[in-house]
Amino acid sequence: MHLHDELSTEPRTEKRARVRARLRRNRVIAGAISVLVATGVVVATIGSASAEPSAGDWLKLRNCESGGNYSTNTGNGYYGAYQFDLGTWQSIGGSGLPSNASAATQDALAYKLWQQRGWSPWTCASIVGLPAGGSGGPARVATVRAAPKVLPAQQRAHLDSVRYDAASGRLIVTGWALDANHPRATSRVKVTINNWTTTWKAATRRADVNRSTHVAGAHGYSVAIASSSGRKRVCVTLVAMGSSPARVLGCKVVNVPVKIRERTSMKSIGGRAVVAGWTFDNAAPARSVAVSVTVNGVKHRVAANLPSSGPSSVFGVPGKHGFRAGFALRKGGNRVCVTVMGVTASHNHAVACKILTG
């Protein structure tokens, strides 16, 4: 008997059977791996993953999601610089509205979400070219499938109308813009009036747009801009997003008429005529004008250069446009008349006359 036979107590037939079983098992495993590789599925042990996002990555994401505005709340169910919905925000420890949180808090919770899920929660991540993947974490066995093809931005947009609203003194620009491949993304438009430009989000709900485009979400825009009188050329441009280029949606010319705006009161207080209010000439909205107050045929010039919230809150006009003055009244009836003096004599506007008792 050989030395090996002396040391082994296992019968040779049982040993051969055990070796053959192990070889069959290895062939099965190898075949399974071949099938997985052929179908694009890889079984891997995952430890740390992609590199930490750079400040530039976060900046690109914020600019695409919200224009970099931490306090944005357009009413579409997404808030703040990273456009959190409330469910996601609360799941990572946020409270209240994301748009009311500090920039530091939003940054920290965006990073926390990235650690959990990578860039997948943000539609804009693929648009601006951020890499797929997420943070590290404990090593684990996971099934990794080939990443789906990222659809490029496909923006569609329309300029509906440009008009002057005489009641508010504003130019009203309306339309819609969306990304058909990324319905949660917010498109933006640039509105240019002569040489002045503003950028606006297309984030107003428009059921008619949802029906006609078969794209969900809020994608309308309605821009109201205080305007001086004169010829206004209004152009609207779709802002570029990812691979979708900027393009002009249209231009229209609107003639805004000259209009004196005023709010005036005339009262008899303690034997005096007290005339007060605010006024401006839309030919030069920021310039302070004057009013002419006539008491029993005697004219008085009063500058309309006091602080007043009316023009800015009602018409969006800057500057100081308030006035207040008092004039002695004689006993009995007194005729008091007020006229606004525009930036030119042709703009002068007679407000009213009133009999005040002294």
Protein backbone atom coordinates (compact mmCIF):
# COMPACT_ATOMS: atom_id res chain seq x y z
CA MET A 1 0.00 0.00 0.00
CA HIS A 2 1.26 3.39 -0.88
CA LEU A 3 1.82 5.97 1.85
CA HIS A 4 -1.06 8.08 0.44
CA ASP A 5 -3.37 5.12 0.60
CA GLU A 6 -2.34 4.51 4.16
CA LEU A 7 -3.15 8.09 5.25
CA SER A 8 -6.47 8.39 3.39
CA THR A 9 -9.51 6.80 4.95
CA GLU A 10 -11.84 7.96 2.13
CA PRO A 11 -12.66 5.31 -0.48
CA ARG A 12 -11.33 6.11 -3.93
CA THR A 13 -14.74 5.84 -5.59
CA GLU A 14 -16.25 8.46 -3.23
CA LYS A 15 -13.33 10.83 -3.82
CA ARG A 16 -13.65 10.54 -7.60
CA ALA A 17 -17.41 11.27 -7.37
CA ARG A 18 -16.76 14.39 -5.28
CA VAL A 19 -14.19 15.72 -7.80
CA ARG A 20 -16.55 15.13 -10.74
CA ALA A 21 -19.37 17.00 -8.92
CA ARG A 22 -17.08 19.99 -8.29
CA LEU A 23 -16.08 20.11 -11.97
CA ARG A 24 -19.74 20.03 -13.09
CA ARG A 25 -20.57 22.87 -10.69
CA ASN A 26 -17.70 25.01 -12.04
CA ARG A 27 -18.91 24.46 -15.63
CA VAL A 28 -22.43 25.62 -14.66
CA ILE A 29 -21.08 28.79 -13.02
CA ALA A 30 -18.89 29.56 -16.04
CA GLY A 31 -21.87 29.12 -18.37
CA ALA A 32 -23.99 31.46 -16.24
CA ILE A 33 -21.30 34.13 -16.33
CA SER A 34 -21.13 33.85 -20.11
CA VAL A 35 -24.89 34.39 -20.35
CA LEU A 36 -24.74 37.44 -18.06
CA VAL A 37 -21.93 39.00 -20.06
CA ALA A 38 -23.73 38.35 -23.34
CA THR A 39 -26.88 40.10 -22.08
CA GLY A 40 -25.02 43.14 -20.80
CA VAL A 41 -25.43 42.25 -17.12
CA VAL A 42 -22.40 42.08 -14.86
CA VAL A 43 -22.32 40.81 -11.28
CA ALA A 44 -19.81 42.88 -9.36
CA THR A 45 -18.72 43.73 -5.88
CA ILE A 46 -19.11 47.47 -5.37
CA GLY A 47 -17.16 49.47 -2.87
CA SER A 48 -16.38 53.12 -3.50
CA ALA A 49 -17.84 54.63 -6.69
CA SER A 50 -17.47 57.77 -8.77
CA ALA A 51 -15.38 60.72 -7.69
CA GLU A 52 -16.84 63.48 -5.55
CA PRO A 53 -18.75 66.13 -7.53
CA SER A 54 -16.85 69.36 -8.10
CA ALA A 55 -18.17 72.85 -7.37
CA GLY A 56 -18.49 73.26 -11.13
CA ASP A 57 -20.72 70.17 -11.34
CA TRP A 58 -23.09 71.60 -8.73
CA LEU A 59 -23.09 75.00 -10.44
CA LYS A 60 -24.05 73.45 -13.79
CA LEU A 61 -26.82 71.46 -12.13
CA ARG A 62 -28.25 74.51 -10.29
CA ASN A 63 -28.17 76.69 -13.38
CA CYS A 64 -30.06 74.10 -15.42
CA GLU A 65 -32.60 73.19 -12.71
CA SER A 66 -33.43 76.68 -11.41
CA GLY A 67 -31.20 79.28 -13.01
CA GLY A 68 -29.19 79.12 -9.77
CA ASN A 69 -32.04 80.66 -7.74
CA TYR A 70 -32.16 79.17 -4.23
CA SER A 71 -35.49 80.85 -3.37
CA THR A 72 -37.41 79.91 -6.52
CA ASN A 73 -40.97 78.65 -6.03
CA THR A 74 -42.95 78.76 -9.27
CA GLY A 75 -45.90 76.66 -8.05
CA ASN A 76 -45.01 73.54 -10.08
CA GLY A 77 -44.29 71.35 -7.03
CA TYR A 78 -40.50 71.73 -7.16
CA TYR A 79 -38.56 74.15 -4.98
CA GLY A 80 -35.20 75.83 -4.55
CA ALA A 81 -31.93 75.70 -6.45
CA TYR A 82 -32.04 71.91 -6.84
CA GLN A 83 -35.81 71.69 -7.56
CA PHE A 84 -36.60 69.30 -4.70
CA ASP A 85 -40.12 67.94 -4.42
CA LEU A 86 -41.39 67.85 -0.83
CA GLY A 87 -41.30 64.06 -0.51
CA THR A 88 -37.63 63.86 -1.46
CA TRP A 89 -36.76 66.90 0.64
CA GLN A 90 -38.33 65.41 3.77
CA SER A 91 -36.81 61.97 3.16
CA ILE A 92 -33.29 63.41 3.47
CA GLY A 93 -34.03 65.44 6.59
CA GLY A 94 -35.39 68.71 5.18
CA SER A 95 -38.22 70.63 6.84
CA GLY A 96 -40.53 73.35 5.55
CA LEU A 97 -40.18 74.40 1.92
CA PRO A 98 -36.80 73.87 0.24
CA SER A 99 -37.05 77.35 -1.28
CA ASN A 100 -37.18 78.85 2.23
CA ALA A 101 -34.06 77.01 3.40
CA SER A 102 -30.63 78.62 3.35
CA ALA A 103 -28.27 78.02 0.46
CA ALA A 104 -25.97 76.05 2.78
CA THR A 105 -28.83 73.74 3.83
CA GLN A 106 -29.93 73.14 0.25
CA ASP A 107 -26.33 72.41 -0.79
CA ALA A 108 -25.85 69.98 2.10
CA LEU A 109 -29.07 68.06 1.44
CA ALA A 110 -28.41 67.95 -2.31
CA TYR A 111 -25.05 66.33 -1.50
CA LYS A 112 -26.76 63.90 0.87
CA LEU A 113 -29.21 62.91 -1.87
CA TRP A 114 -26.31 62.45 -4.28
CA GLN A 115 -24.59 60.16 -1.76
CA GLN A 116 -27.72 58.00 -1.67
CA ARG A 117 -28.77 57.99 -5.31
CA GLY A 118 -26.11 59.64 -7.44
CA TRP A 119 -27.28 62.07 -10.12
CA SER A 120 -30.40 60.04 -10.99
CA PRO A 121 -32.92 62.30 -9.10
CA TRP A 122 -32.07 65.28 -11.34
CA THR A 123 -33.25 65.35 -14.94
CA CYS A 124 -30.82 68.16 -15.69
CA ALA A 125 -27.82 66.04 -14.71
CA SER A 126 -27.86 64.18 -18.03
CA ILE A 127 -28.64 67.39 -19.92
CA VAL A 128 -25.51 69.17 -18.65
CA GLY A 129 -23.34 66.07 -18.98
CA LEU A 130 -22.81 64.99 -15.37
CA PRO A 131 -21.56 61.39 -15.12
CA ALA A 132 -23.83 58.55 -14.11
CA GLY A 133 -23.27 56.95 -10.72
CA GLY A 134 -23.29 58.04 -7.13
CA SER A 135 -21.37 57.90 -3.90
CA GLY A 136 -19.53 55.13 -2.23
CA GLY A 137 -20.78 53.25 0.79
CA PRO A 138 -20.28 49.73 2.21
CA ALA A 139 -19.13 47.13 -0.26
CA ARG A 140 -22.03 45.14 -1.64
CA VAL A 141 -22.85 42.74 -4.45
CA ALA A 142 -25.06 44.42 -7.04
CA THR A 143 -26.34 43.79 -10.53
CA VAL A 144 -25.14 46.57 -12.82
CA ARG A 145 -26.98 46.93 -16.11
CA ALA A 146 -25.77 48.85 -19.11
CA ALA A 147 -26.81 52.51 -18.71
CA PRO A 148 -29.78 53.52 -20.88
CA LYS A 149 -29.13 55.99 -23.65
CA VAL A 150 -29.51 59.57 -22.39
CA LEU A 151 -31.97 61.49 -24.55
CA PRO A 152 -30.76 64.93 -25.66
CA ALA A 153 -32.71 68.06 -24.84
CA GLN A 154 -35.52 68.60 -27.35
CA GLN A 155 -37.02 72.01 -26.70
CA ARG A 156 -40.27 73.19 -28.22
CA ALA A 157 -41.61 76.71 -27.70
CA HIS A 158 -44.07 79.29 -28.96
CA LEU A 159 -44.73 83.03 -28.61
CA ASP A 160 -48.49 83.48 -28.20
CA SER A 161 -48.96 87.25 -27.92
CA VAL A 162 -47.44 90.63 -27.11
CA ARG A 163 -49.83 93.40 -26.07
CA TYR A 164 -50.04 96.59 -24.02
CA ASP A 165 -52.42 96.53 -21.06
CA ALA A 166 -53.59 100.10 -20.52
CA ALA A 167 -55.07 99.37 -17.09
CA SER A 168 -51.76 98.24 -15.61
CA GLY A 169 -49.41 100.19 -17.88
CA ARG A 170 -47.53 97.00 -18.72
CA LEU A 171 -46.49 95.06 -21.78
CA ILE A 172 -47.79 91.48 -21.49
CA VAL A 173 -45.83 88.71 -23.23
CA THR A 174 -47.26 85.17 -23.20
CA GLY A 175 -46.31 81.77 -24.62
CA TRP A 176 -44.87 78.41 -23.65
CA ALA A 177 -41.60 76.45 -23.78
CA LEU A 178 -40.71 72.88 -22.80
CA ASP A 179 -38.26 70.03 -23.27
CA ALA A 180 -40.21 67.12 -24.76
CA ASN A 181 -37.59 64.57 -23.65
CA HIS A 182 -37.34 65.92 -20.09
CA PRO A 183 -40.78 67.17 -18.92
CA ARG A 184 -39.52 68.05 -15.44
CA ALA A 185 -36.89 70.41 -16.81
CA THR A 186 -37.80 74.12 -16.88
CA SER A 187 -37.12 75.97 -20.11
CA ARG A 188 -36.40 79.72 -20.10
CA VAL A 189 -37.05 82.56 -22.48
CA LYS A 190 -35.30 85.90 -22.94
CA VAL A 191 -37.56 88.91 -23.52
CA THR A 192 -35.95 91.96 -25.14
CA ILE A 193 -37.76 95.32 -25.34
CA ASN A 194 -35.74 97.69 -27.51
CA ASN A 195 -32.34 97.51 -25.73
CA TRP A 196 -33.56 96.14 -22.38
CA THR A 197 -33.56 92.38 -21.65
CA THR A 198 -34.92 90.08 -18.95
CA THR A 199 -34.94 86.27 -18.63
CA TRP A 200 -38.07 84.43 -17.55
CA LYS A 201 -38.91 80.83 -16.60
CA ALA A 202 -41.59 78.90 -18.46
CA ALA A 203 -43.14 77.49 -15.29
CA THR A 204 -46.82 78.53 -15.32
CA ARG A 205 -49.46 75.82 -15.60
CA ARG A 206 -51.10 75.71 -19.05
CA ALA A 207 -53.63 72.89 -19.49
CA ASP A 208 -53.99 73.74 -23.20
CA VAL A 209 -50.26 73.22 -23.71
CA ASN A 210 -50.35 69.88 -21.87
CA ARG A 211 -53.19 68.71 -24.12
CA SER A 212 -51.68 69.86 -27.41
CA THR A 213 -48.11 68.68 -26.72
CA HIS A 214 -48.95 65.58 -24.63
CA VAL A 215 -46.27 66.72 -22.17
CA ALA A 216 -47.10 67.00 -18.46
CA GLY A 217 -45.93 69.77 -16.15
CA ALA A 218 -46.02 73.58 -16.00
CA HIS A 219 -44.50 75.13 -19.13
CA GLY A 220 -46.23 78.46 -19.77
CA TYR A 221 -44.80 81.96 -19.38
CA SER A 222 -46.57 85.28 -18.88
CA VAL A 223 -44.28 88.27 -18.49
CA ALA A 224 -45.67 91.66 -17.37
CA ILE A 225 -43.22 94.56 -17.78
CA ALA A 226 -43.82 98.22 -16.90
CA SER A 227 -43.39 100.29 -20.04
CA SER A 228 -42.84 103.90 -20.96
CA SER A 229 -44.70 105.36 -23.93
CA GLY A 230 -43.44 105.08 -27.48
CA ARG A 231 -42.63 102.42 -30.09
CA LYS A 232 -41.51 99.17 -28.49
CA ARG A 233 -39.96 96.26 -30.40
CA VAL A 234 -40.46 93.13 -28.32
CA CYS A 235 -38.48 89.99 -29.18
CA VAL A 236 -38.62 86.61 -27.42
CA THR A 237 -35.75 84.08 -27.62
CA LEU A 238 -35.71 80.51 -26.32
CA VAL A 239 -32.64 80.07 -24.08
CA ALA A 240 -30.33 77.20 -25.07
CA MET A 241 -30.50 74.03 -22.95
CA GLY A 242 -27.93 71.27 -23.35
CA SER A 243 -27.71 70.35 -27.03
CA SER A 244 -30.89 72.27 -27.83
CA PRO A 245 -29.76 75.64 -29.26
CA ALA A 246 -31.20 79.09 -28.62
CA ARG A 247 -33.63 80.37 -31.22
CA VAL A 248 -35.78 83.45 -31.77
CA LEU A 249 -39.49 82.75 -31.26
CA GLY A 250 -40.62 86.03 -32.77
CA CYS A 251 -40.65 89.84 -32.62
CA LYS A 252 -43.59 92.24 -32.48
CA VAL A 253 -43.89 96.03 -32.44
CA VAL A 254 -46.24 97.68 -29.94
CA ASN A 255 -47.00 101.41 -29.75
CA VAL A 256 -47.53 102.43 -26.12
CA PRO A 257 -49.59 105.64 -25.83
CA VAL A 258 -48.72 108.59 -23.59
CA LYS A 259 -50.57 108.29 -20.32
CA ILE A 260 -50.59 110.38 -17.15
CA ARG A 261 -51.15 108.18 -14.10
CA GLU A 262 -52.38 109.75 -10.88
CA ARG A 263 -54.24 109.26 -7.62
CA THR A 264 -55.44 112.55 -6.11
CA SER A 265 -57.49 113.55 -3.08
CA MET A 266 -58.82 117.06 -2.25
CA LYS A 267 -60.16 117.65 1.26
CA SER A 268 -61.04 120.55 3.54
CA ILE A 269 -59.19 120.07 6.83
CA GLY A 270 -59.11 122.76 9.52
CA GLY A 271 -59.94 125.58 7.13
CA ARG A 272 -57.33 124.50 4.57
CA ALA A 273 -57.53 122.73 1.22
CA VAL A 274 -55.29 119.65 1.51
CA VAL A 275 -54.32 118.18 -1.86
CA ALA A 276 -52.35 114.91 -1.84
CA GLY A 277 -51.56 111.86 -3.96
CA TRP A 278 -49.06 110.67 -6.54
CA THR A 279 -48.57 111.03 -10.29
CA PHE A 280 -46.15 110.28 -13.13
CA ASP A 281 -45.93 110.64 -16.90
CA ASN A 282 -45.26 107.32 -18.65
CA ALA A 283 -43.19 109.13 -21.27
CA ALA A 284 -40.51 109.31 -18.55
CA PRO A 285 -41.76 107.09 -15.70
CA ALA A 286 -38.79 107.55 -13.37
CA ARG A 287 -38.84 111.37 -13.57
CA SER A 288 -40.68 113.42 -10.93
CA VAL A 289 -43.22 115.84 -12.41
CA ALA A 290 -45.39 118.53 -10.77
CA VAL A 291 -49.04 119.37 -10.21
CA SER A 292 -50.74 122.73 -10.55
CA VAL A 293 -53.29 123.45 -7.82
CA THR A 294 -55.68 126.34 -8.47
CA VAL A 295 -57.61 127.72 -5.47
CA ASN A 296 -60.23 130.35 -6.35
CA GLY A 297 -58.32 131.27 -9.51
CA VAL A 298 -54.88 131.43 -7.89
CA LYS A 299 -52.39 128.85 -9.21
CA HIS A 300 -49.84 127.05 -7.06
CA ARG A 301 -47.13 124.70 -8.33
CA VAL A 302 -46.44 121.61 -6.21
CA ALA A 303 -43.58 119.20 -6.95
CA ALA A 304 -44.53 115.51 -7.01
CA ASN A 305 -41.22 114.31 -5.57
CA LEU A 306 -42.16 112.72 -2.24
CA PRO A 307 -41.76 108.99 -1.54
CA SER A 308 -44.89 107.04 -2.47
CA SER A 309 -45.47 103.31 -2.80
CA GLY A 310 -48.32 103.62 -5.29
CA PRO A 311 -46.45 103.89 -8.61
CA SER A 312 -44.05 101.05 -7.81
CA SER A 313 -46.63 98.66 -6.34
CA VAL A 314 -49.33 99.29 -8.94
CA PHE A 315 -47.30 99.99 -12.08
CA GLY A 316 -43.76 98.85 -11.27
CA VAL A 317 -42.42 102.39 -11.75
CA PRO A 318 -39.30 103.52 -9.82
CA GLY A 319 -38.64 106.99 -8.39
CA LYS A 320 -40.42 109.49 -6.13
CA HIS A 321 -43.85 110.62 -7.30
CA GLY A 322 -45.85 111.66 -4.22
CA PHE A 323 -47.18 115.15 -3.40
CA ARG A 324 -48.98 116.87 -0.53
CA ALA A 325 -49.76 120.57 0.04
CA GLY A 326 -52.23 122.76 1.99
CA PHE A 327 -53.83 126.10 1.07
CA ALA A 328 -55.91 128.55 3.10
CA LEU A 329 -59.65 128.59 2.36
CA ARG A 330 -62.00 131.52 2.73
CA LYS A 331 -65.34 131.09 4.42
CA GLY A 332 -67.98 129.48 2.28
CA GLY A 333 -67.36 127.64 -0.97
CA ASN A 334 -63.93 127.46 -2.60
CA ARG A 335 -63.20 126.07 -6.07
CA VAL A 336 -60.09 123.89 -6.08
CA CYS A 337 -58.72 122.38 -9.33
CA VAL A 338 -55.75 120.06 -9.91
CA THR A 339 -53.79 119.58 -13.15
CA VAL A 340 -50.82 117.24 -13.63
CA MET A 341 -47.98 118.86 -15.55
CA GLY A 342 -46.38 116.23 -17.80
CA VAL A 343 -42.81 116.14 -19.05
CA THR A 344 -44.00 118.36 -21.92
CA ALA A 345 -46.94 120.78 -22.02
CA SER A 346 -48.78 118.54 -24.48
CA HIS A 347 -48.95 115.86 -21.79
CA ASN A 348 -50.65 118.09 -19.17
CA HIS A 349 -53.69 116.39 -17.70
CA ALA A 350 -56.60 118.09 -15.91
CA VAL A 351 -57.53 115.85 -12.99
CA ALA A 352 -60.64 117.40 -11.43
CA CYS A 353 -62.20 120.43 -9.76
CA LYS A 354 -64.00 120.36 -6.45
CA ILE A 355 -65.84 122.82 -4.18
CA LEU A 356 -64.42 122.80 -0.66
CA THR A 357 -66.05 124.63 2.25
CA GLY A 358 -63.86 126.83 4.40
